[in-house]
Amino acid sequence: MSFMAAPGAEEEEGAVAGQIQLPAEVDWEMLDKWRFFVLGAALFSGVSAALYPAVVLKTRLQVAHPAPPCLCEAASILRHEGPRGFYRGFATSLAGNVPARVLYMGALEVTKSAVGTATLRFGVPEPVASAAASAAAGLSAGVAAQVIWTPVDVVSQRLMVQGSSAATAAAKYRGGVDAFKKILFSDGFRGLYRGFGMSILTYAPSHAVWWASYSLSQRLIWGGIGYHMGGGELRPGQGTVVVVQGISAAVAGGASAVMTMPLDTIKTRMQVLDGGDERTTIGRTVRSLLREGGWGACYRGLGPRWASMTLSATTMITTYEFLKRLSAKEGFL
């Protein structure tokens, strides 16, 4: 499957996959942009709501000292705070995620189309061009979205840990707007962008690796199917394509979660925990984690994050591909 707008890309992909004729890719020029962004905001909001409890659980485990077992923390939230405890900060997260997703999807599609076309014109083989375009698109989209995601993360994560042992006595917020005002009053805009550099270091490479891995995983799966067909011709339906996309997304999401877990733990701590009179830095945060539990402390909350990212990747990508087909202009499909 091609991930860029380029004449003849689908035919090349069919040859690579061994007589497997995949449905044509919906690229940026084929999309009804208004429908794409409006439907995208609605669909991704629903997905975020379903996966949000795992994010809350992961965040609580990352800042807790000592860190309780995952199931014990989940039971504690349910017992002391009820189901609403798993949705602390969700309204703030949702309000920020809508514009962030729009920015992310726009940067992703524009970059993927531009880089893919340019690399093919330079004579780069289609499989390499596809992976390069996906990596570049993921990198640019991740960087662009962090402009919105970082302050949203700072506010929503403060609300997530409120009520836990990690929350300080001074950090009592009545909601997202109150948290925003208090952080802005005490730390200025710098406080809202606490951990911004670490967020870029965490998410930009993560998105680049994710999209490149997703592209390569699909190619490997279709290549394996073509090999076992023994040279026959197959035209898979959209349902089969979605299954392959989902499996590829799960593989990419799980690998990305493991690779970037230490960076995510450091970022979360910098954004949530107060350093007192000392400025919160990467070095101080790392030393604090190592004192608490060695390198294993950097992987606190790995289970919920791995599950969340794997489920999120599978759900998001199938929703994303479905969204593109819903948003295609008439006459292109």
Protein backbone atom coordinates (compact mmCIF):
# COMPACT_ATOMS: atom_id res chain seq x y z
CA MET A 1 0.00 0.00 0.00
CA SER A 2 1.33 3.40 -0.95
CA PHE A 3 1.46 6.23 1.59
CA MET A 4 1.95 9.12 -0.79
CA ALA A 5 0.51 10.83 -3.79
CA ALA A 6 2.48 9.60 -6.77
CA PRO A 7 1.40 8.41 -10.19
CA GLY A 8 1.74 4.66 -10.57
CA ALA A 9 2.49 4.04 -6.88
CA GLU A 10 -0.38 1.58 -6.50
CA GLU A 11 0.81 -0.44 -9.50
CA GLU A 12 4.33 -0.61 -8.09
CA GLU A 13 2.96 -1.72 -4.73
CA GLY A 14 0.94 -4.48 -6.38
CA ALA A 15 4.12 -5.82 -7.98
CA VAL A 16 6.00 -5.71 -4.70
CA ALA A 17 3.25 -7.56 -2.87
CA GLY A 18 3.23 -10.36 -5.42
CA GLN A 19 0.05 -9.98 -7.54
CA ILE A 20 -1.94 -8.43 -4.68
CA GLN A 21 -3.99 -5.54 -6.03
CA LEU A 22 -4.74 -3.24 -3.09
CA PRO A 23 -7.43 -0.52 -3.10
CA ALA A 24 -6.12 2.87 -4.21
CA GLU A 25 -4.69 5.13 -1.50
CA VAL A 26 -6.65 8.28 -0.65
CA ASP A 27 -4.11 11.10 -0.72
CA TRP A 28 -4.27 14.75 0.33
CA GLU A 29 -5.50 16.08 -3.02
CA MET A 30 -8.46 13.65 -3.03
CA LEU A 31 -9.83 14.79 0.36
CA ASP A 32 -12.73 17.09 1.10
CA LYS A 33 -10.78 19.06 3.74
CA TRP A 34 -13.81 20.40 5.63
CA ARG A 35 -15.37 16.94 5.96
CA PHE A 36 -11.97 15.44 6.82
CA PHE A 37 -11.33 17.79 9.76
CA VAL A 38 -14.89 17.87 11.16
CA LEU A 39 -15.42 14.10 10.99
CA GLY A 40 -11.87 13.56 12.26
CA ALA A 41 -12.48 15.68 15.36
CA ALA A 42 -15.64 13.71 16.17
CA LEU A 43 -14.20 10.24 15.54
CA PHE A 44 -10.93 10.83 17.39
CA SER A 45 -12.74 12.38 20.36
CA GLY A 46 -14.66 9.14 20.76
CA VAL A 47 -11.49 7.06 20.54
CA SER A 48 -9.74 9.29 23.10
CA ALA A 49 -12.65 8.88 25.53
CA ALA A 50 -12.41 5.08 25.33
CA LEU A 51 -8.66 5.01 25.97
CA TYR A 52 -8.37 7.82 28.53
CA PRO A 53 -8.54 5.64 31.70
CA ALA A 54 -5.31 3.86 30.70
CA VAL A 55 -3.59 7.23 30.33
CA VAL A 56 -4.70 8.29 33.82
CA LEU A 57 -3.46 5.01 35.30
CA LYS A 58 -0.12 5.29 33.50
CA THR A 59 0.38 8.87 34.72
CA ARG A 60 -0.42 7.98 38.33
CA LEU A 61 2.12 5.13 38.28
CA GLN A 62 4.84 7.31 36.74
CA VAL A 63 4.73 9.92 39.49
CA ALA A 64 4.01 7.63 42.48
CA HIS A 65 6.74 6.83 45.02
CA PRO A 66 6.83 4.02 45.82
CA ALA A 67 4.93 2.82 42.75
CA PRO A 68 2.11 0.36 43.62
CA PRO A 69 1.22 -2.59 41.37
CA CYS A 70 -0.85 -1.56 38.37
CA LEU A 71 -4.04 -3.41 39.38
CA CYS A 72 -3.80 -2.13 42.97
CA GLU A 73 -3.61 1.48 41.74
CA ALA A 74 -6.59 0.91 39.44
CA ALA A 75 -8.58 -0.58 42.32
CA SER A 76 -7.58 2.32 44.57
CA ILE A 77 -8.81 4.91 42.04
CA LEU A 78 -12.10 3.06 41.65
CA ARG A 79 -12.57 2.64 45.42
CA HIS A 80 -11.71 6.20 46.50
CA GLU A 81 -12.75 8.27 43.48
CA GLY A 82 -15.19 6.09 41.58
CA PRO A 83 -15.29 5.80 37.77
CA ARG A 84 -14.95 9.59 37.47
CA GLY A 85 -11.41 9.25 38.84
CA PHE A 86 -10.37 7.66 35.53
CA TYR A 87 -11.56 10.76 33.67
CA ARG A 88 -9.85 13.50 35.65
CA GLY A 89 -8.72 16.19 33.23
CA PHE A 90 -10.58 14.65 30.30
CA ALA A 91 -12.48 17.82 29.38
CA THR A 92 -9.20 19.75 29.20
CA SER A 93 -7.54 17.00 27.20
CA LEU A 94 -10.47 16.80 24.79
CA ALA A 95 -10.63 20.57 24.29
CA GLY A 96 -6.94 20.65 23.39
CA ASN A 97 -6.90 17.44 21.38
CA VAL A 98 -9.40 18.65 18.78
CA PRO A 99 -7.20 21.50 17.43
CA ALA A 100 -4.06 19.43 18.01
CA ARG A 101 -5.46 16.56 15.94
CA VAL A 102 -6.45 18.93 13.15
CA LEU A 103 -2.91 20.35 13.12
CA TYR A 104 -1.41 16.86 13.32
CA MET A 105 -3.46 15.39 10.47
CA GLY A 106 -2.89 18.41 8.25
CA ALA A 107 0.90 18.38 8.77
CA LEU A 108 0.99 14.60 8.33
CA GLU A 109 -0.84 14.49 5.00
CA VAL A 110 0.86 17.54 3.48
CA THR A 111 4.37 16.34 4.41
CA LYS A 112 3.73 12.76 3.34
CA SER A 113 2.46 13.83 -0.05
CA ALA A 114 5.26 16.35 -0.65
CA VAL A 115 8.16 14.17 0.52
CA GLY A 116 6.81 11.06 -1.20
CA THR A 117 6.48 12.80 -4.55
CA ALA A 118 9.91 14.46 -4.24
CA THR A 119 11.75 11.24 -3.34
CA LEU A 120 10.18 9.35 -6.24
CA ARG A 121 11.21 12.10 -8.65
CA PHE A 122 14.80 11.69 -7.48
CA GLY A 123 14.65 8.04 -8.50
CA VAL A 124 14.45 6.59 -4.97
CA PRO A 125 12.88 3.08 -4.98
CA GLU A 126 9.19 3.15 -4.00
CA PRO A 127 9.55 1.07 -0.77
CA VAL A 128 12.33 3.37 0.50
CA ALA A 129 10.45 6.48 -0.61
CA SER A 130 7.31 5.28 1.19
CA ALA A 131 9.16 4.66 4.47
CA ALA A 132 11.03 7.97 4.21
CA ALA A 133 7.84 9.91 3.50
CA SER A 134 6.06 8.25 6.43
CA ALA A 135 8.96 8.99 8.80
CA ALA A 136 9.20 12.63 7.69
CA ALA A 137 5.44 13.06 7.96
CA GLY A 138 5.35 11.58 11.46
CA LEU A 139 8.25 13.79 12.56
CA SER A 140 6.73 17.04 11.26
CA ALA A 141 3.25 16.19 12.57
CA GLY A 142 4.61 15.32 16.02
CA VAL A 143 6.57 18.57 16.29
CA ALA A 144 3.67 20.72 15.05
CA ALA A 145 1.11 19.20 17.41
CA GLN A 146 3.33 19.62 20.49
CA VAL A 147 2.73 23.37 20.34
CA ILE A 148 -0.80 22.59 21.54
CA TRP A 149 -0.31 19.21 23.20
CA THR A 150 2.36 20.32 25.71
CA PRO A 151 0.26 22.89 27.65
CA VAL A 152 -2.74 20.56 27.41
CA ASP A 153 -0.63 17.74 28.87
CA VAL A 154 0.67 19.96 31.68
CA VAL A 155 -2.83 20.96 32.77
CA SER A 156 -4.57 17.61 32.23
CA GLN A 157 -1.81 15.60 33.94
CA ARG A 158 -1.94 17.87 37.00
CA LEU A 159 -5.65 17.10 37.18
CA MET A 160 -5.05 13.37 36.62
CA VAL A 161 -2.86 12.99 39.71
CA GLN A 162 -5.01 15.20 41.93
CA GLY A 163 -6.26 13.10 44.79
CA SER A 164 -3.29 10.72 44.63
CA SER A 165 -0.30 10.63 46.99
CA ALA A 166 1.78 12.42 44.32
CA ALA A 167 -0.38 15.56 44.43
CA THR A 168 1.01 18.31 46.63
CA ALA A 169 -1.10 20.21 49.16
CA ALA A 170 -0.72 23.40 47.11
CA ALA A 171 -1.80 21.79 43.87
CA LYS A 172 -5.58 21.83 44.35
CA TYR A 173 -7.47 22.66 41.20
CA ARG A 174 -11.19 23.08 40.65
CA GLY A 175 -10.94 22.21 36.97
CA GLY A 176 -8.99 22.84 33.82
CA VAL A 177 -9.54 26.61 33.71
CA ASP A 178 -8.55 26.98 37.38
CA ALA A 179 -5.43 24.87 36.84
CA PHE A 180 -4.52 26.93 33.76
CA LYS A 181 -4.86 30.20 35.72
CA LYS A 182 -2.87 28.97 38.73
CA ILE A 183 -0.02 27.58 36.62
CA LEU A 184 0.08 30.76 34.56
CA PHE A 185 0.06 32.93 37.71
CA SER A 186 2.79 30.98 39.50
CA ASP A 187 5.09 30.03 36.61
CA GLY A 188 4.00 32.12 33.63
CA PHE A 189 3.84 30.71 30.11
CA ARG A 190 7.04 28.85 30.89
CA GLY A 191 5.07 26.73 33.35
CA LEU A 192 2.54 25.76 30.68
CA TYR A 193 5.39 24.64 28.43
CA ARG A 194 7.28 22.79 31.13
CA GLY A 195 8.90 19.76 29.53
CA PHE A 196 8.35 21.08 25.99
CA GLY A 197 11.87 20.14 24.90
CA MET A 198 11.46 16.70 26.45
CA SER A 199 8.09 16.33 24.71
CA ILE A 200 9.75 17.02 21.35
CA LEU A 201 12.51 14.53 22.17
CA THR A 202 9.88 11.95 23.14
CA TYR A 203 7.15 12.34 20.55
CA ALA A 204 8.87 13.58 17.38
CA PRO A 205 11.16 10.52 17.02
CA SER A 206 8.35 8.30 18.31
CA HIS A 207 5.97 9.44 15.57
CA ALA A 208 8.70 9.17 12.94
CA VAL A 209 9.53 5.59 14.01
CA TRP A 210 5.85 4.73 14.32
CA TRP A 211 4.85 5.79 10.80
CA ALA A 212 7.94 4.25 9.21
CA SER A 213 7.35 0.98 11.14
CA TYR A 214 3.69 1.01 10.17
CA SER A 215 4.56 1.39 6.50
CA LEU A 216 7.20 -1.34 6.61
CA SER A 217 5.00 -3.71 8.64
CA GLN A 218 2.24 -3.51 6.07
CA ARG A 219 4.70 -4.16 3.26
CA LEU A 220 6.09 -7.22 5.07
CA ILE A 221 2.63 -8.63 5.80
CA TRP A 222 1.41 -8.18 2.24
CA GLY A 223 4.69 -9.56 0.96
CA GLY A 224 4.23 -12.67 3.12
CA ILE A 225 0.67 -13.12 1.87
CA GLY A 226 1.87 -12.79 -1.72
CA TYR A 227 4.63 -15.34 -1.12
CA HIS A 228 2.23 -17.94 0.30
CA MET A 229 -0.17 -17.41 -2.59
CA GLY A 230 2.40 -18.94 -4.90
CA GLY A 231 2.03 -16.37 -7.66
CA GLY A 232 -1.77 -16.19 -7.76
CA GLU A 233 -3.67 -12.93 -8.03
CA LEU A 234 -5.67 -11.52 -5.13
CA ARG A 235 -7.81 -8.43 -4.81
CA PRO A 236 -8.44 -8.10 -1.06
CA GLY A 237 -11.56 -6.33 0.10
CA GLN A 238 -11.54 -3.27 2.32
CA GLY A 239 -12.17 -5.45 5.39
CA THR A 240 -8.99 -7.46 4.80
CA VAL A 241 -7.01 -4.28 4.23
CA VAL A 242 -8.28 -2.84 7.53
CA VAL A 243 -7.21 -6.01 9.41
CA VAL A 244 -3.68 -5.77 7.99
CA GLN A 245 -3.58 -2.06 8.85
CA GLY A 246 -4.72 -2.81 12.40
CA ILE A 247 -2.07 -5.50 12.94
CA SER A 248 0.64 -3.25 11.51
CA ALA A 249 -0.47 -0.39 13.76
CA ALA A 250 -0.43 -2.62 16.86
CA VAL A 251 3.12 -3.78 16.11
CA ALA A 252 4.30 -0.21 15.51
CA GLY A 253 2.51 1.12 18.60
CA GLY A 254 3.87 -1.56 20.93
CA ALA A 255 7.44 -1.10 19.72
CA SER A 256 7.19 2.68 20.01
CA ALA A 257 5.83 2.41 23.58
CA VAL A 258 8.77 0.31 24.76
CA MET A 259 11.39 2.42 22.99
CA THR A 260 10.18 5.78 24.31
CA MET A 261 8.97 4.77 27.80
CA PRO A 262 11.93 6.26 29.76
CA LEU A 263 11.58 9.55 27.88
CA ASP A 264 7.85 9.65 28.57
CA THR A 265 8.38 9.01 32.30
CA ILE A 266 10.92 11.85 32.52
CA LYS A 267 8.61 14.19 30.58
CA THR A 268 5.60 13.37 32.76
CA ARG A 269 7.52 13.95 35.98
CA MET A 270 8.84 17.27 34.75
CA GLN A 271 5.33 18.41 33.85
CA VAL A 272 3.55 17.17 36.99
CA LEU A 273 5.90 17.31 39.99
CA ASP A 274 7.05 20.57 41.54
CA GLY A 275 10.78 20.95 42.11
CA GLY A 276 10.37 23.23 45.13
CA ASP A 277 12.96 26.02 45.12
CA GLU A 278 15.05 24.21 42.51
CA ARG A 279 14.36 24.46 38.80
CA THR A 280 13.03 21.21 37.33
CA THR A 281 15.56 19.93 34.80
CA ILE A 282 16.08 16.70 32.87
CA GLY A 283 19.21 15.90 34.89
CA ARG A 284 17.53 16.36 38.29
CA THR A 285 14.51 14.34 37.16
CA VAL A 286 16.66 11.45 35.95
CA ARG A 287 18.73 11.42 39.17
CA SER A 288 15.53 11.41 41.25
CA LEU A 289 14.17 8.44 39.29
CA LEU A 290 17.43 6.49 39.63
CA ARG A 291 17.49 7.09 43.40
CA GLU A 292 13.94 5.81 43.72
CA GLY A 293 14.30 2.57 41.79
CA GLY A 294 17.21 2.48 39.37
CA TRP A 295 16.57 2.21 35.65
CA GLY A 296 13.45 0.16 36.37
CA ALA A 297 11.80 3.33 37.69
CA CYS A 298 11.94 4.75 34.16
CA TYR A 299 9.57 1.97 33.06
CA ARG A 300 6.85 2.55 35.64
CA GLY A 301 3.47 2.38 33.99
CA LEU A 302 4.83 0.45 31.00
CA GLY A 303 1.93 -2.03 31.07
CA PRO A 304 -0.84 0.59 30.83
CA ARG A 305 1.17 2.67 28.33
CA TRP A 306 1.92 -0.36 26.14
CA ALA A 307 -1.74 -1.41 26.22
CA SER A 308 -2.92 2.15 25.63
CA MET A 309 -0.54 2.82 22.73
CA THR A 310 -1.20 -0.55 21.10
CA LEU A 311 -4.98 -0.20 21.34
CA SER A 312 -4.76 3.47 20.45
CA ALA A 313 -2.58 2.79 17.41
CA THR A 314 -4.88 0.04 16.16
CA THR A 315 -8.03 2.06 16.75
CA MET A 316 -6.61 5.35 15.54
CA ILE A 317 -5.19 4.04 12.29
CA THR A 318 -8.30 2.08 11.32
CA THR A 319 -10.39 5.14 12.21
CA TYR A 320 -7.97 7.35 10.27
CA GLU A 321 -8.09 5.22 7.13
CA PHE A 322 -11.88 4.97 7.44
CA LEU A 323 -12.04 8.74 7.89
CA LYS A 324 -10.04 9.35 4.70
CA ARG A 325 -12.43 7.19 2.69
CA LEU A 326 -15.44 8.96 4.20
CA SER A 327 -13.82 12.31 3.33
CA ALA A 328 -12.82 11.48 -0.25
CA LYS A 329 -14.26 13.78 -2.89
CA GLU A 330 -16.91 12.29 -5.17
CA GLY A 331 -15.48 10.47 -8.17
CA PHE A 332 -12.13 9.53 -6.54
CA LEU A 333 -13.20 6.15 -5.13
